[in-house]
Amino acid sequence: MTMILEERDYRIKAGYVADFLEKYQALGLPVQREHLGEPHGFFVSDVGELNHVVSMWRYADMIERAEKRSRMLTDQRWPGYLASIKGLIDVQTIRILIPTTFSALR
C-alpha cells in the first residue's frame, strides 16, 4: 500500500491562535516528534476562513499510524499538553489523504 498523509485541522477560538501555537510548540510538539517523527507540514490560515492551524503527518500506512499514535497517547506528558489547550479549539477535523498515482508525494 502507498503512504498516507494525515491532515489535522484545528479551528482555534478567535484571538487564541498565538496562545495555542505557543503551548503546542512547548508541550505538544516535543511529544509528537518523539513518537510520530517530524510533521510533514504545519500551517496557519492567512486568507479565507481564519484561525485554522493545520498539521500534516506522513505514515507508511494506517497500521503504522495506529501504532505510533497509540504510543504517543500513553506518554505521561500528553495529558498535560491537552489540559493546557483545553478550551482553545472550537472544531477539530482529521482526514486521511492518499496520494494519486501522479502525486509528487508518493
PDB file of N, CA and C in Angstrom:
ATOM      1  N   MET A   1       0.836  -1.191   0.000  1.00  0.00           N
ATOM      2  CA  MET A   1       0.000   0.000   0.000  1.00  0.00           C
ATOM      3  C   MET A   1       0.877   1.249   0.000  1.00  0.00           C
ATOM      4  N   THR A   2       0.400   2.296  -0.611  1.00  0.00           N
ATOM      5  CA  THR A   2       1.124   3.555  -0.677  1.00  0.00           C
ATOM      6  C   THR A   2       1.057   4.292   0.655  1.00  0.00           C
ATOM      7  N   MET A   3       1.927   5.238   0.831  1.00  0.00           N
ATOM      8  CA  MET A   3       1.925   6.015   2.063  1.00  0.00           C
ATOM      9  C   MET A   3       0.643   6.830   2.193  1.00  0.00           C
ATOM     10  N   ILE A   4       0.381   7.303   3.421  1.00  0.00           N
ATOM     11  CA  ILE A   4      -0.789   8.145   3.674  1.00  0.00           C
ATOM     12  C   ILE A   4      -0.342   9.430   4.357  1.00  0.00           C
ATOM     13  N   LEU A   5      -1.143  10.458   4.193  1.00  0.00           N
ATOM     14  CA  LEU A   5      -0.958  11.704   4.930  1.00  0.00           C
ATOM     15  C   LEU A   5      -2.173  11.906   5.821  1.00  0.00           C
ATOM     16  N   GLU A   6      -1.919  12.274   7.051  1.00  0.00           N
ATOM     17  CA  GLU A   6      -2.998  12.627   7.962  1.00  0.00           C
ATOM     18  C   GLU A   6      -3.025  14.149   8.063  1.00  0.00           C
ATOM     19  N   GLU A   7      -4.163  14.724   7.721  1.00  0.00           N
ATOM     20  CA  GLU A   7      -4.349  16.169   7.842  1.00  0.00           C
ATOM     21  C   GLU A   7      -5.179  16.422   9.097  1.00  0.00           C
ATOM     22  N   ARG A   8      -4.632  17.214  10.007  1.00  0.00           N
ATOM     23  CA  ARG A   8      -5.333  17.566  11.242  1.00  0.00           C
ATOM     24  C   ARG A   8      -5.579  19.069  11.205  1.00  0.00           C
ATOM     25  N   ASP A   9      -6.842  19.460  11.140  1.00  0.00           N
ATOM     26  CA  ASP A   9      -7.237  20.864  11.017  1.00  0.00           C
ATOM     27  C   ASP A   9      -7.956  21.277  12.296  1.00  0.00           C
ATOM     28  N   TYR A  10      -7.387  22.248  12.978  1.00  0.00           N
ATOM     29  CA  TYR A  10      -7.977  22.753  14.220  1.00  0.00           C
ATOM     30  C   TYR A  10      -8.453  24.181  13.984  1.00  0.00           C
ATOM     31  N   ARG A  11      -9.737  24.436  14.223  1.00  0.00           N
ATOM     32  CA  ARG A  11     -10.227  25.818  14.204  1.00  0.00           C
ATOM     33  C   ARG A  11     -10.115  26.317  15.637  1.00  0.00           C
ATOM     34  N   ILE A  12      -9.248  27.292  15.810  1.00  0.00           N
ATOM     35  CA  ILE A  12      -8.950  27.838  17.130  1.00  0.00           C
ATOM     36  C   ILE A  12      -9.881  29.017  17.402  1.00  0.00           C
ATOM     37  N   LYS A  13     -10.253  29.197  18.653  1.00  0.00           N
ATOM     38  CA  LYS A  13     -11.096  30.336  19.016  1.00  0.00           C
ATOM     39  C   LYS A  13     -10.390  31.628  18.628  1.00  0.00           C
ATOM     40  N   ALA A  14     -11.159  32.577  18.110  1.00  0.00           N
ATOM     41  CA  ALA A  14     -10.608  33.854  17.646  1.00  0.00           C
ATOM     42  C   ALA A  14      -9.787  34.512  18.752  1.00  0.00           C
ATOM     43  N   GLY A  15      -8.609  34.963  18.363  1.00  0.00           N
ATOM     44  CA  GLY A  15      -7.725  35.642  19.295  1.00  0.00           C
ATOM     45  C   GLY A  15      -6.784  34.730  20.065  1.00  0.00           C
ATOM     46  N   TYR A  16      -6.873  33.420  19.840  1.00  0.00           N
ATOM     47  CA  TYR A  16      -6.083  32.468  20.621  1.00  0.00           C
ATOM     48  C   TYR A  16      -5.111  31.625  19.796  1.00  0.00           C
ATOM     49  N   VAL A  17      -4.933  31.942  18.521  1.00  0.00           N
ATOM     50  CA  VAL A  17      -4.025  31.136  17.693  1.00  0.00           C
ATOM     51  C   VAL A  17      -2.602  31.194  18.240  1.00  0.00           C
ATOM     52  N   ALA A  18      -2.116  32.386  18.572  1.00  0.00           N
ATOM     53  CA  ALA A  18      -0.744  32.516  19.085  1.00  0.00           C
ATOM     54  C   ALA A  18      -0.578  31.737  20.392  1.00  0.00           C
ATOM     55  N   ASP A  19      -1.573  31.793  21.267  1.00  0.00           N
ATOM     56  CA  ASP A  19      -1.532  31.062  22.534  1.00  0.00           C
ATOM     57  C   ASP A  19      -1.491  29.555  22.280  1.00  0.00           C
ATOM     58  N   PHE A  20      -2.343  29.088  21.357  1.00  0.00           N
ATOM     59  CA  PHE A  20      -2.355  27.668  21.011  1.00  0.00           C
ATOM     60  C   PHE A  20      -0.993  27.235  20.478  1.00  0.00           C
ATOM     61  N   LEU A  21      -0.425  28.003  19.536  1.00  0.00           N
ATOM     62  CA  LEU A  21       0.858  27.635  18.934  1.00  0.00           C
ATOM     63  C   LEU A  21       1.985  27.627  19.966  1.00  0.00           C
ATOM     64  N   GLU A  22       1.966  28.580  20.875  1.00  0.00           N
ATOM     65  CA  GLU A  22       2.993  28.636  21.921  1.00  0.00           C
ATOM     66  C   GLU A  22       2.933  27.387  22.800  1.00  0.00           C
ATOM     67  N   LYS A  23       1.733  27.006  23.219  1.00  0.00           N
ATOM     68  CA  LYS A  23       1.577  25.825  24.065  1.00  0.00           C
ATOM     69  C   LYS A  23       1.901  24.551  23.291  1.00  0.00           C
ATOM     70  N   TYR A  24       1.492  24.508  22.022  1.00  0.00           N
ATOM     71  CA  TYR A  24       1.788  23.336  21.203  1.00  0.00           C
ATOM     72  C   TYR A  24       3.295  23.176  21.028  1.00  0.00           C
ATOM     73  N   GLN A  25       3.977  24.267  20.677  1.00  0.00           N
ATOM     74  CA  GLN A  25       5.416  24.181  20.434  1.00  0.00           C
ATOM     75  C   GLN A  25       6.177  23.775  21.701  1.00  0.00           C
ATOM     76  N   ALA A  26       5.748  24.275  22.847  1.00  0.00           N
ATOM     77  CA  ALA A  26       6.449  23.982  24.096  1.00  0.00           C
ATOM     78  C   ALA A  26       6.119  22.600  24.658  1.00  0.00           C
ATOM     79  N   LEU A  27       4.855  22.179  24.554  1.00  0.00           N
ATOM     80  CA  LEU A  27       4.415  20.964  25.242  1.00  0.00           C
ATOM     81  C   LEU A  27       3.997  19.813  24.329  1.00  0.00           C
ATOM     82  N   GLY A  28       3.311  20.119  23.231  1.00  0.00           N
ATOM     83  CA  GLY A  28       2.783  19.072  22.366  1.00  0.00           C
ATOM     84  C   GLY A  28       3.769  18.567  21.337  1.00  0.00           C
ATOM     85  N   LEU A  29       4.442  19.490  20.671  1.00  0.00           N
ATOM     86  CA  LEU A  29       5.352  19.114  19.586  1.00  0.00           C
ATOM     87  C   LEU A  29       6.485  18.197  20.047  1.00  0.00           C
ATOM     88  N   PRO A  30       7.127  18.449  21.190  1.00  0.00           N
ATOM     89  CA  PRO A  30       8.193  17.526  21.608  1.00  0.00           C
ATOM     90  C   PRO A  30       7.707  16.075  21.770  1.00  0.00           C
ATOM     91  N   VAL A  31       6.510  15.905  22.298  1.00  0.00           N
ATOM     92  CA  VAL A  31       5.960  14.554  22.468  1.00  0.00           C
ATOM     93  C   VAL A  31       5.675  13.942  21.103  1.00  0.00           C
ATOM     94  N   GLN A  32       5.073  14.720  20.213  1.00  0.00           N
ATOM     95  CA  GLN A  32       4.762  14.201  18.882  1.00  0.00           C
ATOM     96  C   GLN A  32       6.023  13.876  18.105  1.00  0.00           C
ATOM     97  N   ARG A  33       7.029  14.728  18.176  1.00  0.00           N
ATOM     98  CA  ARG A  33       8.284  14.437  17.467  1.00  0.00           C
ATOM     99  C   ARG A  33       8.892  13.121  17.945  1.00  0.00           C
ATOM    100  N   GLU A  34       8.829  12.895  19.244  1.00  0.00           N
ATOM    101  CA  GLU A  34       9.405  11.671  19.799  1.00  0.00           C
ATOM    102  C   GLU A  34       8.679  10.422  19.305  1.00  0.00           C
ATOM    103  N   HIS A  35       7.358  10.506  19.181  1.00  0.00           N
ATOM    104  CA  HIS A  35       6.572   9.318  18.838  1.00  0.00           C
ATOM    105  C   HIS A  35       6.165   9.243  17.367  1.00  0.00           C
ATOM    106  N   LEU A  36       5.933  10.390  16.736  1.00  0.00           N
ATOM    107  CA  LEU A  36       5.429  10.406  15.356  1.00  0.00           C
ATOM    108  C   LEU A  36       6.489  10.789  14.334  1.00  0.00           C
ATOM    109  N   GLY A  37       7.576  11.399  14.774  1.00  0.00           N
ATOM    110  CA  GLY A  37       8.573  11.931  13.860  1.00  0.00           C
ATOM    111  C   GLY A  37       8.268  13.390  13.550  1.00  0.00           C
ATOM    112  N   GLU A  38       8.936  13.922  12.562  1.00  0.00           N
ATOM    113  CA  GLU A  38       8.722  15.323  12.176  1.00  0.00           C
ATOM    114  C   GLU A  38       7.410  15.465  11.411  1.00  0.00           C
ATOM    115  N   PRO A  39       6.667  16.533  11.674  1.00  0.00           N
ATOM    116  CA  PRO A  39       5.465  16.756  10.863  1.00  0.00           C
ATOM    117  C   PRO A  39       5.861  16.994   9.406  1.00  0.00           C
ATOM    118  N   HIS A  40       5.016  16.542   8.498  1.00  0.00           N
ATOM    119  CA  HIS A  40       5.252  16.753   7.068  1.00  0.00           C
ATOM    120  C   HIS A  40       5.036  18.221   6.715  1.00  0.00           C
ATOM    121  N   GLY A  41       4.192  18.893   7.473  1.00  0.00           N
ATOM    122  CA  GLY A  41       3.936  20.317   7.295  1.00  0.00           C
ATOM    123  C   GLY A  41       3.113  20.840   8.453  1.00  0.00           C
ATOM    124  N   PHE A  42       3.235  22.139   8.698  1.00  0.00           N
ATOM    125  CA  PHE A  42       2.479  22.783   9.774  1.00  0.00           C
ATOM    126  C   PHE A  42       2.139  24.183   9.293  1.00  0.00           C
ATOM    127  N   PHE A  43       0.853  24.549   9.341  1.00  0.00           N
ATOM    128  CA  PHE A  43       0.398  25.776   8.696  1.00  0.00           C
ATOM    129  C   PHE A  43      -0.631  26.514   9.547  1.00  0.00           C
ATOM    130  N   VAL A  44      -0.757  27.814   9.299  1.00  0.00           N
ATOM    131  CA  VAL A  44      -1.871  28.607   9.824  1.00  0.00           C
ATOM    132  C   VAL A  44      -2.556  29.265   8.636  1.00  0.00           C
ATOM    133  N   SER A  45      -3.857  29.485   8.753  1.00  0.00           N
ATOM    134  CA  SER A  45      -4.595  30.128   7.660  1.00  0.00           C
ATOM    135  C   SER A  45      -4.354  31.633   7.714  1.00  0.00           C
ATOM    136  N   ASP A  46      -4.256  32.245   6.533  1.00  0.00           N
ATOM    137  CA  ASP A  46      -3.971  33.676   6.439  1.00  0.00           C
ATOM    138  C   ASP A  46      -5.017  34.408   5.613  1.00  0.00           C
ATOM    139  N   VAL A  47      -5.690  33.698   4.729  1.00  0.00           N
ATOM    140  CA  VAL A  47      -6.726  34.276   3.864  1.00  0.00           C
ATOM    141  C   VAL A  47      -7.905  33.314   3.891  1.00  0.00           C
ATOM    142  N   GLY A  48      -9.113  33.841   3.760  1.00  0.00           N
ATOM    143  CA  GLY A  48     -10.299  32.981   3.795  1.00  0.00           C
ATOM    144  C   GLY A  48     -10.732  32.764   5.227  1.00  0.00           C
ATOM    145  N   GLU A  49     -11.110  31.538   5.556  1.00  0.00           N
ATOM    146  CA  GLU A  49     -11.516  31.235   6.929  1.00  0.00           C
ATOM    147  C   GLU A  49     -10.287  31.237   7.831  1.00  0.00           C
ATOM    148  N   LEU A  50     -10.263  32.156   8.767  1.00  0.00           N
ATOM    149  CA  LEU A  50      -9.087  32.355   9.612  1.00  0.00           C
ATOM    150  C   LEU A  50      -9.143  31.480  10.863  1.00  0.00           C
ATOM    151  N   ASN A  51      -8.084  31.575  11.651  1.00  0.00           N
ATOM    152  CA  ASN A  51      -7.972  30.876  12.937  1.00  0.00           C
ATOM    153  C   ASN A  51      -7.854  29.361  12.793  1.00  0.00           C
ATOM    154  N   HIS A  52      -7.295  28.914  11.674  1.00  0.00           N
ATOM    155  CA  HIS A  52      -7.065  27.481  11.486  1.00  0.00           C
ATOM    156  C   HIS A  52      -5.577  27.170  11.644  1.00  0.00           C
ATOM    157  N   VAL A  53      -5.304  26.076  12.332  1.00  0.00           N
ATOM    158  CA  VAL A  53      -3.964  25.517  12.435  1.00  0.00           C
ATOM    159  C   VAL A  53      -4.052  24.121  11.828  1.00  0.00           C
ATOM    160  N   VAL A  54      -3.211  23.851  10.841  1.00  0.00           N
ATOM    161  CA  VAL A  54      -3.274  22.583  10.106  1.00  0.00           C
ATOM    162  C   VAL A  54      -1.910  21.900  10.176  1.00  0.00           C
ATOM    163  N   SER A  55      -1.926  20.635  10.561  1.00  0.00           N
ATOM    164  CA  SER A  55      -0.688  19.857  10.529  1.00  0.00           C
ATOM    165  C   SER A  55      -0.877  18.660   9.609  1.00  0.00           C
ATOM    166  N   MET A  56       0.221  18.233   9.029  1.00  0.00           N
ATOM    167  CA  MET A  56       0.228  17.084   8.128  1.00  0.00           C
ATOM    168  C   MET A  56       1.273  16.100   8.658  1.00  0.00           C
ATOM    169  N   TRP A  57       0.852  14.839   8.764  1.00  0.00           N
ATOM    170  CA  TRP A  57       1.736  13.784   9.264  1.00  0.00           C
ATOM    171  C   TRP A  57       1.785  12.653   8.244  1.00  0.00           C
ATOM    172  N   ARG A  58       2.971  12.174   7.963  1.00  0.00           N
ATOM    173  CA  ARG A  58       3.171  11.128   6.953  1.00  0.00           C
ATOM    174  C   ARG A  58       3.385   9.781   7.649  1.00  0.00           C
ATOM    175  N   TYR A  59       2.699   8.766   7.125  1.00  0.00           N
ATOM    176  CA  TYR A  59       2.827   7.402   7.652  1.00  0.00           C
ATOM    177  C   TYR A  59       2.935   6.431   6.482  1.00  0.00           C
ATOM    178  N   ALA A  60       3.554   5.294   6.734  1.00  0.00           N
ATOM    179  CA  ALA A  60       3.642   4.258   5.702  1.00  0.00           C
ATOM    180  C   ALA A  60       2.257   3.712   5.380  1.00  0.00           C
ATOM    181  N   ASP A  61       1.414   3.573   6.413  1.00  0.00           N
ATOM    182  CA  ASP A  61       0.068   3.020   6.244  1.00  0.00           C
ATOM    183  C   ASP A  61      -0.725   3.263   7.524  1.00  0.00           C
ATOM    184  N   MET A  62      -1.977   2.802   7.559  1.00  0.00           N
ATOM    185  CA  MET A  62      -2.839   3.009   8.719  1.00  0.00           C
ATOM    186  C   MET A  62      -2.344   2.235   9.946  1.00  0.00           C
ATOM    187  N   ILE A  63      -1.675   1.120   9.716  1.00  0.00           N
ATOM    188  CA  ILE A  63      -1.147   0.339  10.841  1.00  0.00           C
ATOM    189  C   ILE A  63      -0.049   1.122  11.547  1.00  0.00           C
ATOM    190  N   GLU A  64       0.882   1.681  10.771  1.00  0.00           N
ATOM    191  CA  GLU A  64       1.948   2.485  11.376  1.00  0.00           C
ATOM    192  C   GLU A  64       1.356   3.680  12.120  1.00  0.00           C
ATOM    193  N   ARG A  65       0.371   4.324  11.525  1.00  0.00           N
ATOM    194  CA  ARG A  65      -0.281   5.469  12.179  1.00  0.00           C
ATOM    195  C   ARG A  65      -0.866   5.052  13.527  1.00  0.00           C
ATOM    196  N   ALA A  66      -1.608   3.963  13.540  1.00  0.00           N
ATOM    197  CA  ALA A  66      -2.244   3.494  14.777  1.00  0.00           C
ATOM    198  C   ALA A  66      -1.202   3.154  15.843  1.00  0.00           C
ATOM    199  N   GLU A  67      -0.129   2.490  15.455  1.00  0.00           N
ATOM    200  CA  GLU A  67       0.911   2.109  16.412  1.00  0.00           C
ATOM    201  C   GLU A  67       1.593   3.336  17.007  1.00  0.00           C
ATOM    202  N   LYS A  68       1.977   4.283  16.153  1.00  0.00           N
ATOM    203  CA  LYS A  68       2.671   5.481  16.632  1.00  0.00           C
ATOM    204  C   LYS A  68       1.769   6.335  17.516  1.00  0.00           C
ATOM    205  N   ARG A  69       0.523   6.530  17.083  1.00  0.00           N
ATOM    206  CA  ARG A  69      -0.391   7.365  17.876  1.00  0.00           C
ATOM    207  C   ARG A  69      -0.736   6.686  19.202  1.00  0.00           C
ATOM    208  N   SER A  70      -0.839   5.375  19.206  1.00  0.00           N
ATOM    209  CA  SER A  70      -1.119   4.650  20.443  1.00  0.00           C
ATOM    210  C   SER A  70       0.002   4.864  21.458  1.00  0.00           C
ATOM    211  N   ARG A  71       1.247   4.777  21.003  1.00  0.00           N
ATOM    212  CA  ARG A  71       2.388   5.021  21.892  1.00  0.00           C
ATOM    213  C   ARG A  71       2.383   6.459  22.402  1.00  0.00           C
ATOM    214  N   MET A  72       2.074   7.405  21.517  1.00  0.00           N
ATOM    215  CA  MET A  72       2.049   8.810  21.917  1.00  0.00           C
ATOM    216  C   MET A  72       0.991   9.059  22.993  1.00  0.00           C
ATOM    217  N   LEU A  73      -0.184   8.463  22.812  1.00  0.00           N
ATOM    218  CA  LEU A  73      -1.283   8.695  23.751  1.00  0.00           C
ATOM    219  C   LEU A  73      -0.997   8.141  25.141  1.00  0.00           C
ATOM    220  N   THR A  74      -0.046   7.215  25.266  1.00  0.00           N
ATOM    221  CA  THR A  74       0.307   6.678  26.578  1.00  0.00           C
ATOM    222  C   THR A  74       1.469   7.437  27.224  1.00  0.00           C
ATOM    223  N   ASP A  75       2.038   8.398  26.516  1.00  0.00           N
ATOM    224  CA  ASP A  75       3.125   9.212  27.066  1.00  0.00           C
ATOM    225  C   ASP A  75       2.574  10.061  28.212  1.00  0.00           C
ATOM    226  N   GLN A  76       3.234  10.048  29.341  1.00  0.00           N
ATOM    227  CA  GLN A  76       2.754  10.751  30.529  1.00  0.00           C
ATOM    228  C   GLN A  76       2.699  12.263  30.358  1.00  0.00           C
ATOM    229  N   ARG A  77       3.408  12.814  29.394  1.00  0.00           N
ATOM    230  CA  ARG A  77       3.389  14.264  29.154  1.00  0.00           C
ATOM    231  C   ARG A  77       2.163  14.704  28.367  1.00  0.00           C
ATOM    232  N   TRP A  78       1.548  13.788  27.609  1.00  0.00           N
ATOM    233  CA  TRP A  78       0.453  14.150  26.702  1.00  0.00           C
ATOM    234  C   TRP A  78      -0.759  14.742  27.425  1.00  0.00           C
ATOM    235  N   PRO A  79      -1.237  14.159  28.527  1.00  0.00           N
ATOM    236  CA  PRO A  79      -2.392  14.751  29.216  1.00  0.00           C
ATOM    237  C   PRO A  79      -2.137  16.189  29.691  1.00  0.00           C
ATOM    238  N   GLY A  80      -0.910  16.495  30.090  1.00  0.00           N
ATOM    239  CA  GLY A  80      -0.576  17.863  30.499  1.00  0.00           C
ATOM    240  C   GLY A  80      -0.703  18.837  29.348  1.00  0.00           C
ATOM    241  N   TYR A  81      -0.259  18.399  28.173  1.00  0.00           N
ATOM    242  CA  TYR A  81      -0.418  19.248  26.988  1.00  0.00           C
ATOM    243  C   TYR A  81      -1.893  19.463  26.695  1.00  0.00           C
ATOM    244  N   LEU A  82      -2.673  18.393  26.692  1.00  0.00           N
ATOM    245  CA  LEU A  82      -4.106  18.518  26.399  1.00  0.00           C
ATOM    246  C   LEU A  82      -4.791  19.450  27.392  1.00  0.00           C
ATOM    247  N   ALA A  83      -4.422  19.371  28.656  1.00  0.00           N
ATOM    248  CA  ALA A  83      -5.009  20.262  29.667  1.00  0.00           C
ATOM    249  C   ALA A  83      -4.652  21.717  29.380  1.00  0.00           C
ATOM    250  N   SER A  84      -3.445  21.962  28.861  1.00  0.00           N
ATOM    251  CA  SER A  84      -3.000  23.338  28.601  1.00  0.00           C
ATOM    252  C   SER A  84      -3.751  23.999  27.452  1.00  0.00           C
ATOM    253  N   ILE A  85      -4.295  23.201  26.534  1.00  0.00           N
ATOM    254  CA  ILE A  85      -5.017  23.782  25.386  1.00  0.00           C
ATOM    255  C   ILE A  85      -6.528  23.646  25.518  1.00  0.00           C
ATOM    256  N   LYS A  86      -6.980  23.113  26.642  1.00  0.00           N
ATOM    257  CA  LYS A  86      -8.421  22.927  26.844  1.00  0.00           C
ATOM    258  C   LYS A  86      -9.140  24.263  26.675  1.00  0.00           C
ATOM    259  N   GLY A  87     -10.186  24.247  25.860  1.00  0.00           N
ATOM    260  CA  GLY A  87     -10.979  25.442  25.623  1.00  0.00           C
ATOM    261  C   GLY A  87     -10.495  26.320  24.485  1.00  0.00           C
ATOM    262  N   LEU A  88      -9.342  26.013  23.887  1.00  0.00           N
ATOM    263  CA  LEU A  88      -8.823  26.837  22.792  1.00  0.00           C
ATOM    264  C   LEU A  88      -9.323  26.387  21.421  1.00  0.00           C
ATOM    265  N   ILE A  89      -9.735  25.132  21.286  1.00  0.00           N
ATOM    266  CA  ILE A  89     -10.141  24.575  19.993  1.00  0.00           C
ATOM    267  C   ILE A  89     -11.657  24.568  19.889  1.00  0.00           C
ATOM    268  N   ASP A  90     -12.171  25.157  18.785  1.00  0.00           N
ATOM    269  CA  ASP A  90     -13.612  25.114  18.505  1.00  0.00           C
ATOM    270  C   ASP A  90     -13.991  23.811  17.812  1.00  0.00           C
ATOM    271  N   VAL A  91     -13.249  23.478  16.744  1.00  0.00           N
ATOM    272  CA  VAL A  91     -13.562  22.307  15.918  1.00  0.00           C
ATOM    273  C   VAL A  91     -12.255  21.640  15.509  1.00  0.00           C
ATOM    274  N   GLN A  92     -12.255  20.310  15.512  1.00  0.00           N
ATOM    275  CA  GLN A  92     -11.113  19.532  15.038  1.00  0.00           C
ATOM    276  C   GLN A  92     -11.597  18.608  13.934  1.00  0.00           C
ATOM    277  N   THR A  93     -10.889  18.631  12.804  1.00  0.00           N
ATOM    278  CA  THR A  93     -11.219  17.759  11.679  1.00  0.00           C
ATOM    279  C   THR A  93      -9.966  16.979  11.297  1.00  0.00           C
ATOM    280  N   ILE A  94     -10.121  15.683  11.112  1.00  0.00           N
ATOM    281  CA  ILE A  94      -8.997  14.832  10.722  1.00  0.00           C
ATOM    282  C   ILE A  94      -9.364  14.115   9.433  1.00  0.00           C
ATOM    283  N   ARG A  95      -8.452  14.165   8.463  1.00  0.00           N
ATOM    284  CA  ARG A  95      -8.664  13.447   7.201  1.00  0.00           C
ATOM    285  C   ARG A  95      -7.424  12.630   6.892  1.00  0.00           C
ATOM    286  N   ILE A  96      -7.643  11.458   6.326  1.00  0.00           N
ATOM    287  CA  ILE A  96      -6.549  10.642   5.811  1.00  0.00           C
ATOM    288  C   ILE A  96      -6.532  10.842   4.303  1.00  0.00           C
ATOM    289  N   LEU A  97      -5.396  11.281   3.794  1.00  0.00           N
ATOM    290  CA  LEU A  97      -5.243  11.566   2.367  1.00  0.00           C
ATOM    291  C   LEU A  97      -4.315  10.533   1.741  1.00  0.00           C
ATOM    292  N   ILE A  98      -4.718  10.017   0.603  1.00  0.00           N
ATOM    293  CA  ILE A  98      -3.931   9.030  -0.137  1.00  0.00           C
ATOM    294  C   ILE A  98      -3.489   9.681  -1.437  1.00  0.00           C
ATOM    295  N   PRO A  99      -2.190   9.726  -1.705  1.00  0.00           N
ATOM    296  CA  PRO A  99      -1.714  10.385  -2.918  1.00  0.00           C
ATOM    297  C   PRO A  99      -2.192   9.678  -4.191  1.00  0.00           C
ATOM    298  N   THR A 100      -2.456  10.472  -5.197  1.00  0.00           N
ATOM    299  CA  THR A 100      -2.802   9.919  -6.506  1.00  0.00           C
ATOM    300  C   THR A 100      -1.554   9.302  -7.140  1.00  0.00           C
ATOM    301  N   THR A 101      -1.742   8.557  -8.195  1.00  0.00           N
ATOM    302  CA  THR A 101      -0.606   7.910  -8.861  1.00  0.00           C
ATOM    303  C   THR A 101       0.369   8.920  -9.449  1.00  0.00           C
ATOM    304  N   PHE A 102      -0.089  10.147  -9.714  1.00  0.00           N
ATOM    305  CA  PHE A 102       0.782  11.157 -10.317  1.00  0.00           C
ATOM    306  C   PHE A 102       1.243  12.212  -9.308  1.00  0.00           C
ATOM    307  N   SER A 103       0.987  11.998  -8.027  1.00  0.00           N
ATOM    308  CA  SER A 103       1.390  12.954  -6.998  1.00  0.00           C
ATOM    309  C   SER A 103       2.893  12.893  -6.753  1.00  0.00           C
ATOM    310  N   ALA A 104       3.497  14.048  -6.553  1.00  0.00           N
ATOM    311  CA  ALA A 104       4.919  14.109  -6.213  1.00  0.00           C
ATOM    312  C   ALA A 104       5.185  13.572  -4.810  1.00  0.00           C
ATOM    313  N   LEU A 105       4.154  13.432  -4.007  1.00  0.00           N
ATOM    314  CA  LEU A 105       4.303  12.976  -2.622  1.00  0.00           C
ATOM    315  C   LEU A 105       4.185  11.468  -2.452  1.00  0.00           C
ATOM    316  N   ARG A 106       4.211  10.707  -3.511  1.00  0.00           N
ATOM    317  CA  ARG A 106       4.085   9.243  -3.390  1.00  0.00           C
ATOM    318  C   ARG A 106       5.273   8.650  -2.713  1.00  0.00           C
TER     319      ARG A 106
END
